[in-house]
Amino acid sequence: MLPLRDLNRSSTTPHVNRLLLAANVVIFVIYWLSSQNILFDQRFAYSIEQNFVMIPNEIVHGERLFTLVTSMFMHAGWIHLLGNMLFLYVFGDNVEDAFGHVGYLVFYIVCGIAAALGYIIAIVLAPEIGSLIGIALASDLVSGVLGASGAISGVLGAYVVLFPRAKVLTFLVYFIIPLPAIVFLGFWFIMQWVYGIFDSSGGVAYWAHVGGFIAGMILALAFGLKTKKARDARLRL
C-alpha cells in the first residue's frame, strides 16, 4: 500500500520540504557514489558511516549526541531513500503549510530526535516488555540506526491530526483508490506496532516510526492546529 499523492492542495510553496527532500537525496548520492569509487572513494563513504550514523549505546552514555540529527539525513540504500522521500513528498507540503516554514523545520527535527529517543527507550526496555508479552523483542544497542523515517513518521502523525479527511490516492495491489488520510495513516501506524512486536530480527527501526508518529500528533495538537486555524482565517479575509 503506497501513497501516490494527496488531494489536498497547499496554499504556500513548501520551500523547506523541498530543501529536506534535496538534502536527503544529495547526501545519499554523494555517499553512494563514494561507495562505488566514482566520487571520492570507499574510505570517504566509510568515514561518513563511522562519523554520522547513530549508535544507540553511545546516545545512552551521552556520547556523539549530534548523530541524533545527522543520522536523519542518511539512508542504507536506494529503496530506503526513495520510500522515505515518497512519503515526505506526499505529506510534507501540507504540514509545512500548517506550521509555517520555520516552524515546520523545527517540527521536523524535533520529531526526528523524539523518534530516535523513542526507539532507544524501546530497545533498552525490550527484555522487560518481551517477558511481559511472551515475545522476544530485538534489543540491539550497538548496531547503527539511520534514515529519515522517524522524522517523516512525525509528519504523518501531524497530517492525520491536521487533515484527517483529506483523500490520499493509494496504490493498493492492482488498484488506485482514494482513501481518507485517517484510514491510510491509521492503518500504517497500526502496522508499525505489529512489525515492531513480531520483527525479532530488528532490521527496521519500527519503534522509531511509532515514536515519531506520536510526537508528530502531540506537536500538531499543541501547535499545528492553532497555526492552521490562523492560516485559514487569513485566507478567508
Protein backbone atom coordinates (compact mmCIF):
# COMPACT_ATOMS: atom_id res chain seq x y z
CA MET A 1 0.00 0.00 0.00
CA LEU A 2 1.72 3.14 -1.27
CA PRO A 3 0.61 6.79 -1.36
CA LEU A 4 0.81 8.34 -4.83
CA ARG A 5 -0.36 11.83 -3.91
CA ASP A 6 -2.91 13.55 -1.72
CA LEU A 7 -5.87 15.58 -2.96
CA ASN A 8 -5.08 18.43 -0.59
CA ARG A 9 -3.56 21.49 -2.22
CA SER A 10 -1.12 23.54 -0.16
CA SER A 11 -1.70 27.31 -0.01
CA THR A 12 2.04 28.09 0.17
CA THR A 13 5.13 26.87 -1.63
CA PRO A 14 6.77 24.14 0.50
CA HIS A 15 10.31 25.53 0.37
CA VAL A 16 11.51 23.72 3.50
CA ASN A 17 10.05 20.37 2.47
CA ARG A 18 11.77 20.68 -0.90
CA LEU A 19 15.07 21.51 0.81
CA LEU A 20 14.69 18.47 3.06
CA LEU A 21 13.99 16.26 0.05
CA ALA A 22 17.02 17.69 -1.77
CA ALA A 23 19.31 17.35 1.26
CA ASN A 24 18.42 13.69 1.75
CA VAL A 25 18.90 12.88 -1.93
CA VAL A 26 22.18 14.80 -2.33
CA ILE A 27 23.74 13.31 0.81
CA PHE A 28 22.82 9.78 -0.22
CA VAL A 29 24.02 10.26 -3.81
CA ILE A 30 27.39 11.53 -2.56
CA TYR A 31 27.65 8.59 -0.17
CA TRP A 32 26.60 6.05 -2.81
CA LEU A 33 28.95 7.40 -5.49
CA SER A 34 31.78 7.31 -2.99
CA SER A 35 30.95 3.74 -2.00
CA GLN A 36 31.25 2.84 -5.70
CA ASN A 37 34.60 4.67 -6.04
CA ILE A 38 33.04 7.08 -8.54
CA LEU A 39 33.18 10.23 -6.43
CA PHE A 40 35.93 10.34 -3.80
CA ASP A 41 36.40 6.70 -2.68
CA GLN A 42 35.13 3.98 -0.38
CA ARG A 43 37.18 5.37 2.51
CA PHE A 44 35.14 8.58 2.31
CA ALA A 45 31.88 6.58 2.38
CA TYR A 46 33.16 4.57 5.33
CA SER A 47 34.08 7.79 7.13
CA ILE A 48 30.51 9.06 6.67
CA GLU A 49 29.16 5.85 8.18
CA GLN A 50 31.53 5.96 11.14
CA ASN A 51 31.03 9.62 11.97
CA PHE A 52 27.36 10.35 11.34
CA VAL A 53 25.31 7.18 11.93
CA MET A 54 23.61 6.98 15.33
CA ILE A 55 24.67 4.18 17.66
CA PRO A 56 22.04 3.78 20.42
CA ASN A 57 24.58 2.69 23.02
CA GLU A 58 26.54 5.89 22.51
CA ILE A 59 23.43 8.02 22.99
CA VAL A 60 22.59 6.16 26.19
CA HIS A 61 26.03 7.14 27.51
CA GLY A 62 25.73 10.75 26.34
CA GLU A 63 28.24 10.37 23.52
CA ARG A 64 28.05 11.82 19.98
CA LEU A 65 24.60 13.27 20.57
CA PHE A 66 24.85 15.17 17.27
CA THR A 67 24.21 11.87 15.47
CA LEU A 68 20.58 12.11 16.61
CA VAL A 69 20.29 14.73 13.86
CA THR A 70 22.90 13.69 11.29
CA SER A 71 21.52 10.14 11.08
CA MET A 72 18.19 11.60 9.88
CA PHE A 73 19.81 12.54 6.58
CA MET A 74 21.40 9.19 5.81
CA HIS A 75 19.98 6.10 4.14
CA ALA A 76 21.05 2.49 3.69
CA GLY A 77 20.10 2.09 0.04
CA TRP A 78 18.06 3.38 -2.89
CA ILE A 79 14.82 1.66 -1.82
CA HIS A 80 15.19 3.04 1.70
CA LEU A 81 15.74 6.55 0.32
CA LEU A 82 13.01 6.52 -2.32
CA GLY A 83 10.40 5.07 0.03
CA ASN A 84 11.06 7.75 2.62
CA MET A 85 11.14 10.56 0.07
CA LEU A 86 7.81 9.43 -1.41
CA PHE A 87 6.07 9.78 1.96
CA LEU A 88 7.79 13.10 2.68
CA TYR A 89 6.83 14.44 -0.75
CA VAL A 90 3.16 13.40 -0.44
CA PHE A 91 2.51 14.58 3.11
CA GLY A 92 5.15 17.16 3.96
CA ASP A 93 3.90 20.16 1.99
CA ASN A 94 0.58 20.42 3.82
CA VAL A 95 2.18 20.02 7.24
CA GLU A 96 4.64 22.79 6.34
CA ASP A 97 1.67 24.88 5.22
CA ALA A 98 0.09 24.44 8.65
CA PHE A 99 3.20 25.05 10.76
CA GLY A 100 4.86 27.70 8.61
CA HIS A 101 8.32 27.36 7.08
CA VAL A 102 10.47 27.88 10.18
CA GLY A 103 8.02 26.07 12.44
CA TYR A 104 7.99 23.09 10.10
CA LEU A 105 11.78 22.80 10.11
CA VAL A 106 11.85 22.87 13.92
CA PHE A 107 8.96 20.39 14.00
CA TYR A 108 10.76 18.01 11.63
CA ILE A 109 13.99 17.99 13.63
CA VAL A 110 12.18 17.60 16.96
CA CYS A 111 10.17 14.66 15.58
CA GLY A 112 13.35 13.02 14.31
CA ILE A 113 15.03 13.34 17.69
CA ALA A 114 11.91 12.12 19.51
CA ALA A 115 11.71 9.13 17.16
CA ALA A 116 15.34 8.19 17.83
CA LEU A 117 14.90 8.52 21.59
CA GLY A 118 11.67 6.51 21.44
CA TYR A 119 13.50 3.77 19.57
CA ILE A 120 16.32 3.72 22.13
CA ILE A 121 13.86 3.52 25.04
CA ALA A 122 12.03 0.64 23.34
CA ILE A 123 15.32 -1.19 22.78
CA VAL A 124 16.51 -0.65 26.35
CA LEU A 125 13.19 -1.91 27.73
CA ALA A 126 12.84 -4.72 25.17
CA PRO A 127 13.78 -7.58 27.55
CA GLU A 128 11.23 -6.48 30.16
CA ILE A 129 8.49 -5.85 27.59
CA GLY A 130 9.24 -9.12 25.84
CA SER A 131 8.95 -11.09 29.06
CA LEU A 132 5.57 -9.50 29.77
CA ILE A 133 4.05 -10.25 26.36
CA GLY A 134 5.86 -13.55 25.83
CA ILE A 135 7.59 -12.47 22.59
CA ALA A 136 11.33 -11.96 22.17
CA LEU A 137 11.93 -8.37 21.07
CA ALA A 138 15.07 -7.06 19.39
CA SER A 139 17.38 -5.34 21.88
CA ASP A 140 20.48 -4.43 19.87
CA LEU A 141 22.10 -1.23 21.16
CA VAL A 142 25.30 -1.40 19.14
CA SER A 143 24.03 -1.52 15.54
CA GLY A 144 23.85 1.79 13.71
CA VAL A 145 20.49 3.43 13.05
CA LEU A 146 19.95 5.79 10.14
CA GLY A 147 17.22 7.19 7.95
CA ALA A 148 14.65 9.96 7.77
CA SER A 149 11.71 7.68 8.57
CA GLY A 150 11.45 8.74 12.21
CA ALA A 151 11.12 12.41 11.33
CA ILE A 152 8.82 11.58 8.41
CA SER A 153 6.66 9.50 10.74
CA GLY A 154 6.23 12.72 12.72
CA VAL A 155 4.99 14.37 9.54
CA LEU A 156 2.47 11.55 9.10
CA GLY A 157 1.31 11.89 12.70
CA ALA A 158 0.77 15.62 12.26
CA TYR A 159 -1.02 15.10 8.95
CA VAL A 160 -3.58 12.73 10.45
CA VAL A 161 -4.37 15.33 13.14
CA LEU A 162 -4.47 18.33 10.81
CA PHE A 163 -6.08 16.76 7.73
CA PRO A 164 -7.85 13.54 8.78
CA ARG A 165 -10.42 13.68 5.96
CA ALA A 166 -8.01 14.58 3.15
CA LYS A 167 -8.03 11.98 0.39
CA VAL A 168 -4.84 10.06 -0.39
CA LEU A 169 -4.58 8.36 -3.77
CA THR A 170 -3.32 4.94 -2.77
CA PHE A 171 -1.82 2.15 -4.86
CA LEU A 172 -3.37 -1.00 -3.40
CA VAL A 173 -2.37 -4.26 -5.11
CA TYR A 174 -3.82 -3.69 -8.62
CA PHE A 175 -5.96 -0.65 -7.90
CA ILE A 176 -5.57 3.06 -7.24
CA ILE A 177 -8.18 4.26 -4.78
CA PRO A 178 -8.69 7.44 -2.74
CA LEU A 179 -8.56 6.76 0.99
CA PRO A 180 -9.16 9.24 3.82
CA ALA A 181 -5.88 10.13 5.49
CA ILE A 182 -7.12 8.81 8.81
CA VAL A 183 -7.69 5.39 7.23
CA PHE A 184 -4.42 5.24 5.29
CA LEU A 185 -2.23 6.62 8.08
CA GLY A 186 -4.15 4.84 10.82
CA PHE A 187 -3.52 1.51 9.12
CA TRP A 188 0.13 2.44 8.58
CA PHE A 189 0.54 3.30 12.27
CA ILE A 190 -1.04 0.06 13.45
CA MET A 191 1.25 -1.92 11.16
CA GLN A 192 4.33 -0.28 12.69
CA TRP A 193 3.27 -1.64 16.08
CA VAL A 194 2.68 -5.09 14.60
CA TYR A 195 6.02 -5.13 12.79
CA GLY A 196 7.80 -3.80 15.87
CA ILE A 197 6.47 -6.61 18.03
CA PHE A 198 6.92 -9.51 15.62
CA ASP A 199 10.09 -8.48 13.74
CA SER A 200 12.57 -10.10 16.12
CA SER A 201 15.49 -9.50 13.74
CA GLY A 202 15.39 -5.75 14.40
CA GLY A 203 16.25 -4.94 10.79
CA VAL A 204 13.96 -1.89 10.67
CA ALA A 205 13.55 0.71 13.43
CA TYR A 206 9.77 0.34 13.70
CA TRP A 207 9.73 1.81 17.21
CA ALA A 208 11.28 4.97 15.79
CA HIS A 209 8.31 5.16 13.44
CA VAL A 210 5.92 4.77 16.36
CA GLY A 211 7.75 7.37 18.45
CA GLY A 212 7.95 9.86 15.61
CA PHE A 213 4.27 9.44 14.74
CA ILE A 214 3.18 10.04 18.35
CA ALA A 215 5.49 13.06 18.64
CA GLY A 216 4.03 14.49 15.42
CA MET A 217 0.48 14.06 16.71
CA ILE A 218 1.32 15.75 20.01
CA LEU A 219 3.03 18.70 18.32
CA ALA A 220 0.15 19.07 15.86
CA LEU A 221 -2.37 19.10 18.69
CA ALA A 222 -0.31 21.56 20.74
CA PHE A 223 0.81 23.95 17.98
CA GLY A 224 -0.21 22.86 14.50
CA LEU A 225 -3.96 23.22 14.90
CA LYS A 226 -3.55 26.78 16.19
CA THR A 227 -1.31 27.86 13.32
CA LYS A 228 -3.57 26.09 10.82
CA LYS A 229 -6.64 27.93 12.15
CA ALA A 230 -4.78 31.24 11.97
CA ARG A 231 -3.75 30.47 8.39
CA ASP A 232 -7.30 29.55 7.40
CA ALA A 233 -8.59 32.76 8.96
CA ARG A 234 -6.12 34.82 6.91
CA LEU A 235 -7.14 33.04 3.71
CA ARG A 236 -10.80 33.88 4.33
CA LEU A 237 -10.08 37.61 4.58
